Amino acid sequence: MRVSGEIILEKVRRYRATASLYRQTAAFRPLQKWSLLEQAERWDRLAVAELEDYFNFNSPDYDEELHVTPYANERCEMVAAA
C-alpha cells in the first residue's frame, strides 16, 4: 500500500512539533530536563524513520521481502505507550 507524500509530511511535521515542545519544556524544567530531551530525541527519530520508510518504499529498487524498518521496535513501544 502506497502512502501519499502529503500524509507523510504531515506526520513528520507533527512529530517534529512534538519534539520541539519537549525541548521548550526542558528549558523551563531543569529537574526533568534530561528526560524531556530524551523524549524529544525519540520524536525526532520517529520523524526521520517515517521519511526513510517513505523514500525507501517509493524507490524503484524497493523489495518488500528485504524491507526492514530501523526504528520498528521503537515505533511499537511508542504506540504501546500511547
PDB file of N, CA and C in Angstrom:
ATOM      1  N   MET A   1       0.846  -1.180   0.000  1.00  0.00           N
ATOM      2  CA  MET A   1       0.000   0.000   0.000  1.00  0.00           C
ATOM      3  C   MET A   1       0.892   1.245   0.000  1.00  0.00           C
ATOM      4  N   ARG A   2       0.712   2.079  -0.972  1.00  0.00           N
ATOM      5  CA  ARG A   2       1.493   3.320  -1.051  1.00  0.00           C
ATOM      6  C   ARG A   2       0.772   4.418  -0.290  1.00  0.00           C
ATOM      7  N   VAL A   3       1.557   5.235   0.389  1.00  0.00           N
ATOM      8  CA  VAL A   3       1.004   6.313   1.198  1.00  0.00           C
ATOM      9  C   VAL A   3       1.357   7.636   0.543  1.00  0.00           C
ATOM     10  N   SER A   4       0.421   8.544   0.561  1.00  0.00           N
ATOM     11  CA  SER A   4       0.625   9.851  -0.041  1.00  0.00           C
ATOM     12  C   SER A   4       1.745  10.617   0.659  1.00  0.00           C
ATOM     13  N   GLY A   5       2.536  11.330  -0.123  1.00  0.00           N
ATOM     14  CA  GLY A   5       3.617  12.146   0.432  1.00  0.00           C
ATOM     15  C   GLY A   5       3.099  13.215   1.374  1.00  0.00           C
ATOM     16  N   GLU A   6       1.891  13.740   1.091  1.00  0.00           N
ATOM     17  CA  GLU A   6       1.311  14.773   1.959  1.00  0.00           C
ATOM     18  C   GLU A   6       1.022  14.223   3.352  1.00  0.00           C
ATOM     19  N   ILE A   7       0.563  12.990   3.423  1.00  0.00           N
ATOM     20  CA  ILE A   7       0.266  12.365   4.710  1.00  0.00           C
ATOM     21  C   ILE A   7       1.562  12.180   5.497  1.00  0.00           C
ATOM     22  N   ILE A   8       2.604  11.720   4.810  1.00  0.00           N
ATOM     23  CA  ILE A   8       3.896  11.519   5.465  1.00  0.00           C
ATOM     24  C   ILE A   8       4.433  12.844   5.990  1.00  0.00           C
ATOM     25  N   LEU A   9       4.370  13.880   5.166  1.00  0.00           N
ATOM     26  CA  LEU A   9       4.880  15.183   5.598  1.00  0.00           C
ATOM     27  C   LEU A   9       4.091  15.724   6.789  1.00  0.00           C
ATOM     28  N   GLU A  10       2.801  15.479   6.817  1.00  0.00           N
ATOM     29  CA  GLU A  10       2.001  15.920   7.964  1.00  0.00           C
ATOM     30  C   GLU A  10       2.415  15.177   9.233  1.00  0.00           C
ATOM     31  N   LYS A  11       2.648  13.872   9.122  1.00  0.00           N
ATOM     32  CA  LYS A  11       3.117  13.094  10.277  1.00  0.00           C
ATOM     33  C   LYS A  11       4.469  13.617  10.757  1.00  0.00           C
ATOM     34  N   VAL A  12       5.376  13.880   9.813  1.00  0.00           N
ATOM     35  CA  VAL A  12       6.705  14.380  10.158  1.00  0.00           C
ATOM     36  C   VAL A  12       6.592  15.733  10.847  1.00  0.00           C
ATOM     37  N   ARG A  13       5.729  16.595  10.326  1.00  0.00           N
ATOM     38  CA  ARG A  13       5.516  17.915  10.966  1.00  0.00           C
ATOM     39  C   ARG A  13       5.040  17.751  12.406  1.00  0.00           C
ATOM     40  N   ARG A  14       4.108  16.839  12.609  1.00  0.00           N
ATOM     41  CA  ARG A  14       3.575  16.618  13.965  1.00  0.00           C
ATOM     42  C   ARG A  14       4.639  16.050  14.902  1.00  0.00           C
ATOM     43  N   TYR A  15       5.406  15.085  14.411  1.00  0.00           N
ATOM     44  CA  TYR A  15       6.470  14.510  15.226  1.00  0.00           C
ATOM     45  C   TYR A  15       7.494  15.573  15.621  1.00  0.00           C
ATOM     46  N   ARG A  16       7.894  16.392  14.669  1.00  0.00           N
ATOM     47  CA  ARG A  16       8.896  17.416  14.960  1.00  0.00           C
ATOM     48  C   ARG A  16       8.332  18.514  15.849  1.00  0.00           C
ATOM     49  N   ALA A  17       7.057  18.842  15.698  1.00  0.00           N
ATOM     50  CA  ALA A  17       6.429  19.825  16.586  1.00  0.00           C
ATOM     51  C   ALA A  17       6.391  19.295  18.018  1.00  0.00           C
ATOM     52  N   THR A  18       6.086  18.015  18.158  1.00  0.00           N
ATOM     53  CA  THR A  18       6.076  17.404  19.490  1.00  0.00           C
ATOM     54  C   THR A  18       7.476  17.433  20.096  1.00  0.00           C
ATOM     55  N   ALA A  19       8.484  17.121  19.295  1.00  0.00           N
ATOM     56  CA  ALA A  19       9.868  17.164  19.772  1.00  0.00           C
ATOM     57  C   ALA A  19      10.233  18.574  20.213  1.00  0.00           C
ATOM     58  N   SER A  20       9.809  19.556  19.450  1.00  0.00           N
ATOM     59  CA  SER A  20      10.090  20.951  19.789  1.00  0.00           C
ATOM     60  C   SER A  20       9.440  21.341  21.120  1.00  0.00           C
ATOM     61  N   LEU A  21       8.221  20.890  21.344  1.00  0.00           N
ATOM     62  CA  LEU A  21       7.544  21.186  22.618  1.00  0.00           C
ATOM     63  C   LEU A  21       8.286  20.560  23.798  1.00  0.00           C
ATOM     64  N   TYR A  22       8.780  19.349  23.610  1.00  0.00           N
ATOM     65  CA  TYR A  22       9.562  18.715  24.677  1.00  0.00           C
ATOM     66  C   TYR A  22      10.827  19.518  24.968  1.00  0.00           C
ATOM     67  N   ARG A  23      11.487  20.006  23.909  1.00  0.00           N
ATOM     68  CA  ARG A  23      12.703  20.797  24.127  1.00  0.00           C
ATOM     69  C   ARG A  23      12.390  22.119  24.827  1.00  0.00           C
ATOM     70  N   GLN A  24      11.307  22.754  24.436  1.00  0.00           N
ATOM     71  CA  GLN A  24      10.909  24.011  25.082  1.00  0.00           C
ATOM     72  C   GLN A  24      10.578  23.787  26.549  1.00  0.00           C
ATOM     73  N   THR A  25       9.880  22.707  26.827  1.00  0.00           N
ATOM     74  CA  THR A  25       9.533  22.393  28.211  1.00  0.00           C
ATOM     75  C   THR A  25      10.796  22.114  29.017  1.00  0.00           C
ATOM     76  N   ALA A  26      11.756  21.437  28.411  1.00  0.00           N
ATOM     77  CA  ALA A  26      13.017  21.134  29.103  1.00  0.00           C
ATOM     78  C   ALA A  26      13.740  22.410  29.519  1.00  0.00           C
ATOM     79  N   ALA A  27      13.597  23.459  28.748  1.00  0.00           N
ATOM     80  CA  ALA A  27      14.259  24.724  29.072  1.00  0.00           C
ATOM     81  C   ALA A  27      13.707  25.335  30.362  1.00  0.00           C
ATOM     82  N   PHE A  28      12.455  25.038  30.671  1.00  0.00           N
ATOM     83  CA  PHE A  28      11.831  25.627  31.856  1.00  0.00           C
ATOM     84  C   PHE A  28      11.687  24.658  33.030  1.00  0.00           C
ATOM     85  N   ARG A  29      12.090  23.426  32.849  1.00  0.00           N
ATOM     86  CA  ARG A  29      12.005  22.420  33.919  1.00  0.00           C
ATOM     87  C   ARG A  29      13.350  21.738  34.089  1.00  0.00           C
ATOM     88  N   PRO A  30      14.252  22.363  34.802  1.00  0.00           N
ATOM     89  CA  PRO A  30      15.605  21.812  34.919  1.00  0.00           C
ATOM     90  C   PRO A  30      15.664  20.427  35.574  1.00  0.00           C
ATOM     91  N   LEU A  31      14.741  20.129  36.457  1.00  0.00           N
ATOM     92  CA  LEU A  31      14.774  18.825  37.122  1.00  0.00           C
ATOM     93  C   LEU A  31      14.393  17.686  36.172  1.00  0.00           C
ATOM     94  N   GLN A  32      13.554  17.952  35.199  1.00  0.00           N
ATOM     95  CA  GLN A  32      13.142  16.935  34.241  1.00  0.00           C
ATOM     96  C   GLN A  32      13.838  17.097  32.894  1.00  0.00           C
ATOM     97  N   LYS A  33      14.826  17.959  32.822  1.00  0.00           N
ATOM     98  CA  LYS A  33      15.455  18.326  31.563  1.00  0.00           C
ATOM     99  C   LYS A  33      15.887  17.123  30.729  1.00  0.00           C
ATOM    100  N   TRP A  34      16.646  16.210  31.312  1.00  0.00           N
ATOM    101  CA  TRP A  34      17.202  15.102  30.535  1.00  0.00           C
ATOM    102  C   TRP A  34      16.127  14.132  30.066  1.00  0.00           C
ATOM    103  N   SER A  35      15.150  13.904  30.884  1.00  0.00           N
ATOM    104  CA  SER A  35      14.046  13.041  30.475  1.00  0.00           C
ATOM    105  C   SER A  35      13.278  13.656  29.302  1.00  0.00           C
ATOM    106  N   LEU A  36      13.031  14.944  29.388  1.00  0.00           N
ATOM    107  CA  LEU A  36      12.312  15.628  28.316  1.00  0.00           C
ATOM    108  C   LEU A  36      13.127  15.667  27.027  1.00  0.00           C
ATOM    109  N   LEU A  37      14.424  15.858  27.145  1.00  0.00           N
ATOM    110  CA  LEU A  37      15.280  15.869  25.959  1.00  0.00           C
ATOM    111  C   LEU A  37      15.351  14.480  25.314  1.00  0.00           C
ATOM    112  N   GLU A  38      15.303  13.441  26.136  1.00  0.00           N
ATOM    113  CA  GLU A  38      15.252  12.082  25.584  1.00  0.00           C
ATOM    114  C   GLU A  38      13.969  11.866  24.791  1.00  0.00           C
ATOM    115  N   GLN A  39      12.866  12.350  25.326  1.00  0.00           N
ATOM    116  CA  GLN A  39      11.593  12.246  24.611  1.00  0.00           C
ATOM    117  C   GLN A  39      11.649  13.011  23.286  1.00  0.00           C
ATOM    118  N   ALA A  40      12.243  14.191  23.314  1.00  0.00           N
ATOM    119  CA  ALA A  40      12.377  14.983  22.085  1.00  0.00           C
ATOM    120  C   ALA A  40      13.186  14.208  21.047  1.00  0.00           C
ATOM    121  N   GLU A  41      14.250  13.568  21.490  1.00  0.00           N
ATOM    122  CA  GLU A  41      15.090  12.788  20.580  1.00  0.00           C
ATOM    123  C   GLU A  41      14.307  11.617  19.986  1.00  0.00           C
ATOM    124  N   ARG A  42      13.475  10.988  20.779  1.00  0.00           N
ATOM    125  CA  ARG A  42      12.663   9.869  20.282  1.00  0.00           C
ATOM    126  C   ARG A  42      11.706  10.338  19.196  1.00  0.00           C
ATOM    127  N   TRP A  43      11.074  11.488  19.394  1.00  0.00           N
ATOM    128  CA  TRP A  43      10.153  12.019  18.388  1.00  0.00           C
ATOM    129  C   TRP A  43      10.904  12.410  17.115  1.00  0.00           C
ATOM    130  N   ASP A  44      12.101  12.940  17.262  1.00  0.00           N
ATOM    131  CA  ASP A  44      12.913  13.265  16.089  1.00  0.00           C
ATOM    132  C   ASP A  44      13.273  12.003  15.308  1.00  0.00           C
ATOM    133  N   ARG A  45      13.624  10.945  16.033  1.00  0.00           N
ATOM    134  CA  ARG A  45      13.950   9.682  15.362  1.00  0.00           C
ATOM    135  C   ARG A  45      12.735   9.108  14.638  1.00  0.00           C
ATOM    136  N   LEU A  46      11.561   9.253  15.221  1.00  0.00           N
ATOM    137  CA  LEU A  46      10.338   8.795  14.551  1.00  0.00           C
ATOM    138  C   LEU A  46      10.110   9.563  13.255  1.00  0.00           C
ATOM    139  N   ALA A  47      10.361  10.861  13.274  1.00  0.00           N
ATOM    140  CA  ALA A  47      10.200  11.672  12.065  1.00  0.00           C
ATOM    141  C   ALA A  47      11.162  11.204  10.981  1.00  0.00           C
ATOM    142  N   VAL A  48      12.400  10.967  11.349  1.00  0.00           N
ATOM    143  CA  VAL A  48      13.397  10.504  10.378  1.00  0.00           C
ATOM    144  C   VAL A  48      13.009   9.122   9.851  1.00  0.00           C
ATOM    145  N   ALA A  49      12.569   8.240  10.721  1.00  0.00           N
ATOM    146  CA  ALA A  49      12.173   6.889  10.304  1.00  0.00           C
ATOM    147  C   ALA A  49      11.004   6.942   9.327  1.00  0.00           C
ATOM    148  N   GLU A  50      10.085   7.836   9.584  1.00  0.00           N
ATOM    149  CA  GLU A  50       8.921   7.981   8.707  1.00  0.00           C
ATOM    150  C   GLU A  50       9.372   8.402   7.305  1.00  0.00           C
ATOM    151  N   LEU A  51      10.278   9.363   7.241  1.00  0.00           N
ATOM    152  CA  LEU A  51      10.796   9.809   5.951  1.00  0.00           C
ATOM    153  C   LEU A  51      11.601   8.713   5.257  1.00  0.00           C
ATOM    154  N   GLU A  52      12.433   8.012   6.025  1.00  0.00           N
ATOM    155  CA  GLU A  52      13.219   6.921   5.441  1.00  0.00           C
ATOM    156  C   GLU A  52      12.315   5.845   4.863  1.00  0.00           C
ATOM    157  N   ASP A  53      11.294   5.479   5.610  1.00  0.00           N
ATOM    158  CA  ASP A  53      10.362   4.458   5.134  1.00  0.00           C
ATOM    159  C   ASP A  53       9.687   4.903   3.842  1.00  0.00           C
ATOM    160  N   TYR A  54       9.257   6.151   3.806  1.00  0.00           N
ATOM    161  CA  TYR A  54       8.566   6.656   2.624  1.00  0.00           C
ATOM    162  C   TYR A  54       9.481   6.620   1.405  1.00  0.00           C
ATOM    163  N   PHE A  55      10.698   7.136   1.543  1.00  0.00           N
ATOM    164  CA  PHE A  55      11.586   7.190   0.397  1.00  0.00           C
ATOM    165  C   PHE A  55      12.117   5.809   0.009  1.00  0.00           C
ATOM    166  N   ASN A  56      12.340   4.937   0.963  1.00  0.00           N
ATOM    167  CA  ASN A  56      12.760   3.578   0.634  1.00  0.00           C
ATOM    168  C   ASN A  56      11.639   2.811  -0.064  1.00  0.00           C
ATOM    169  N   PHE A  57      10.426   2.992   0.419  1.00  0.00           N
ATOM    170  CA  PHE A  57       9.276   2.287  -0.127  1.00  0.00           C
ATOM    171  C   PHE A  57       8.967   2.762  -1.541  1.00  0.00           C
ATOM    172  N   ASN A  58       9.157   4.046  -1.807  1.00  0.00           N
ATOM    173  CA  ASN A  58       8.833   4.609  -3.112  1.00  0.00           C
ATOM    174  C   ASN A  58      10.008   4.608  -4.079  1.00  0.00           C
ATOM    175  N   SER A  59      11.127   4.033  -3.668  1.00  0.00           N
ATOM    176  CA  SER A  59      12.268   3.966  -4.582  1.00  0.00           C
ATOM    177  C   SER A  59      12.034   2.856  -5.602  1.00  0.00           C
ATOM    178  N   PRO A  60      12.592   2.999  -6.794  1.00  0.00           N
ATOM    179  CA  PRO A  60      12.355   1.994  -7.843  1.00  0.00           C
ATOM    180  C   PRO A  60      12.925   0.614  -7.517  1.00  0.00           C
ATOM    181  N   ASP A  61      13.945   0.529  -6.674  1.00  0.00           N
ATOM    182  CA  ASP A  61      14.550  -0.766  -6.371  1.00  0.00           C
ATOM    183  C   ASP A  61      14.065  -1.344  -5.035  1.00  0.00           C
ATOM    184  N   TYR A  62      12.896  -0.924  -4.566  1.00  0.00           N
ATOM    185  CA  TYR A  62      12.335  -1.405  -3.302  1.00  0.00           C
ATOM    186  C   TYR A  62      11.945  -2.874  -3.425  1.00  0.00           C
ATOM    187  N   ASP A  63      12.323  -3.664  -2.445  1.00  0.00           N
ATOM    188  CA  ASP A  63      11.971  -5.081  -2.407  1.00  0.00           C
ATOM    189  C   ASP A  63      11.288  -5.344  -1.073  1.00  0.00           C
ATOM    190  N   GLU A  64       9.995  -5.658  -1.105  1.00  0.00           N
ATOM    191  CA  GLU A  64       9.221  -5.812   0.129  1.00  0.00           C
ATOM    192  C   GLU A  64       9.762  -6.906   1.028  1.00  0.00           C
ATOM    193  N   GLU A  65      10.319  -7.958   0.465  1.00  0.00           N
ATOM    194  CA  GLU A  65      10.815  -9.066   1.283  1.00  0.00           C
ATOM    195  C   GLU A  65      12.039  -8.663   2.102  1.00  0.00           C
ATOM    196  N   LEU A  66      12.826  -7.722   1.592  1.00  0.00           N
ATOM    197  CA  LEU A  66      14.044  -7.327   2.285  1.00  0.00           C
ATOM    198  C   LEU A  66      13.848  -6.088   3.148  1.00  0.00           C
ATOM    199  N   HIS A  67      12.666  -5.506   3.121  1.00  0.00           N
ATOM    200  CA  HIS A  67      12.425  -4.251   3.837  1.00  0.00           C
ATOM    201  C   HIS A  67      12.444  -4.457   5.354  1.00  0.00           C
ATOM    202  N   VAL A  68      13.314  -3.720   6.010  1.00  0.00           N
ATOM    203  CA  VAL A  68      13.406  -3.747   7.469  1.00  0.00           C
ATOM    204  C   VAL A  68      13.407  -2.306   7.945  1.00  0.00           C
ATOM    205  N   THR A  69      12.509  -1.980   8.858  1.00  0.00           N
ATOM    206  CA  THR A  69      12.445  -0.623   9.380  1.00  0.00           C
ATOM    207  C   THR A  69      13.420  -0.492  10.542  1.00  0.00           C
ATOM    208  N   PRO A  70      14.359   0.480  10.484  1.00  0.00           N
ATOM    209  CA  PRO A  70      15.375   0.593  11.530  1.00  0.00           C
ATOM    210  C   PRO A  70      14.801   0.925  12.901  1.00  0.00           C
ATOM    211  N   TYR A  71      13.675   1.611  12.936  1.00  0.00           N
ATOM    212  CA  TYR A  71      13.113   2.007  14.218  1.00  0.00           C
ATOM    213  C   TYR A  71      11.791   1.295  14.502  1.00  0.00           C
ATOM    214  N   ALA A  72      11.588   0.132  13.903  1.00  0.00           N
ATOM    215  CA  ALA A  72      10.319  -0.568  14.053  1.00  0.00           C
ATOM    216  C   ALA A  72      10.016  -0.885  15.510  1.00  0.00           C
ATOM    217  N   ASN A  73      11.002  -1.352  16.261  1.00  0.00           N
ATOM    218  CA  ASN A  73      10.756  -1.685  17.661  1.00  0.00           C
ATOM    219  C   ASN A  73      10.402  -0.455  18.462  1.00  0.00           C
ATOM    220  N   GLU A  74      11.085   0.638  18.207  1.00  0.00           N
ATOM    221  CA  GLU A  74      10.799   1.865  18.936  1.00  0.00           C
ATOM    222  C   GLU A  74       9.403   2.372  18.614  1.00  0.00           C
ATOM    223  N   ARG A  75       8.998   2.241  17.355  1.00  0.00           N
ATOM    224  CA  ARG A  75       7.683   2.683  16.964  1.00  0.00           C
ATOM    225  C   ARG A  75       6.629   1.892  17.701  1.00  0.00           C
ATOM    226  N   CYS A  76       6.841   0.590  17.852  1.00  0.00           N
ATOM    227  CA  CYS A  76       5.899  -0.254  18.581  1.00  0.00           C
ATOM    228  C   CYS A  76       5.815   0.178  20.046  1.00  0.00           C
ATOM    229  N   GLU A  77       6.945   0.529  20.630  1.00  0.00           N
ATOM    230  CA  GLU A  77       6.961   0.992  22.021  1.00  0.00           C
ATOM    231  C   GLU A  77       6.167   2.288  22.170  1.00  0.00           C
ATOM    232  N   MET A  78       6.319   3.192  21.202  1.00  0.00           N
ATOM    233  CA  MET A  78       5.607   4.468  21.269  1.00  0.00           C
ATOM    234  C   MET A  78       4.100   4.246  21.157  1.00  0.00           C
ATOM    235  N   VAL A  79       3.691   3.348  20.283  1.00  0.00           N
ATOM    236  CA  VAL A  79       2.269   3.063  20.127  1.00  0.00           C
ATOM    237  C   VAL A  79       1.727   2.430  21.394  1.00  0.00           C
ATOM    238  N   ALA A  80       2.493   1.521  21.984  1.00  0.00           N
ATOM    239  CA  ALA A  80       2.053   0.871  23.215  1.00  0.00           C
ATOM    240  C   ALA A  80       1.958   1.862  24.365  1.00  0.00           C
ATOM    241  N   ALA A  81       2.856   2.852  24.393  1.00  0.00           N
ATOM    242  CA  ALA A  81       2.850   3.835  25.465  1.00  0.00           C
ATOM    243  C   ALA A  81       1.682   4.813  25.334  1.00  0.00           C
ATOM    244  N   ALA A  82       1.210   5.014  24.117  1.00  0.00           N
ATOM    245  CA  ALA A  82       0.128   5.986  23.871  1.00  0.00           C
ATOM    246  C   ALA A  82      -1.176   5.429  24.247  1.00  0.00           C
TER     247      ALA A  82
END
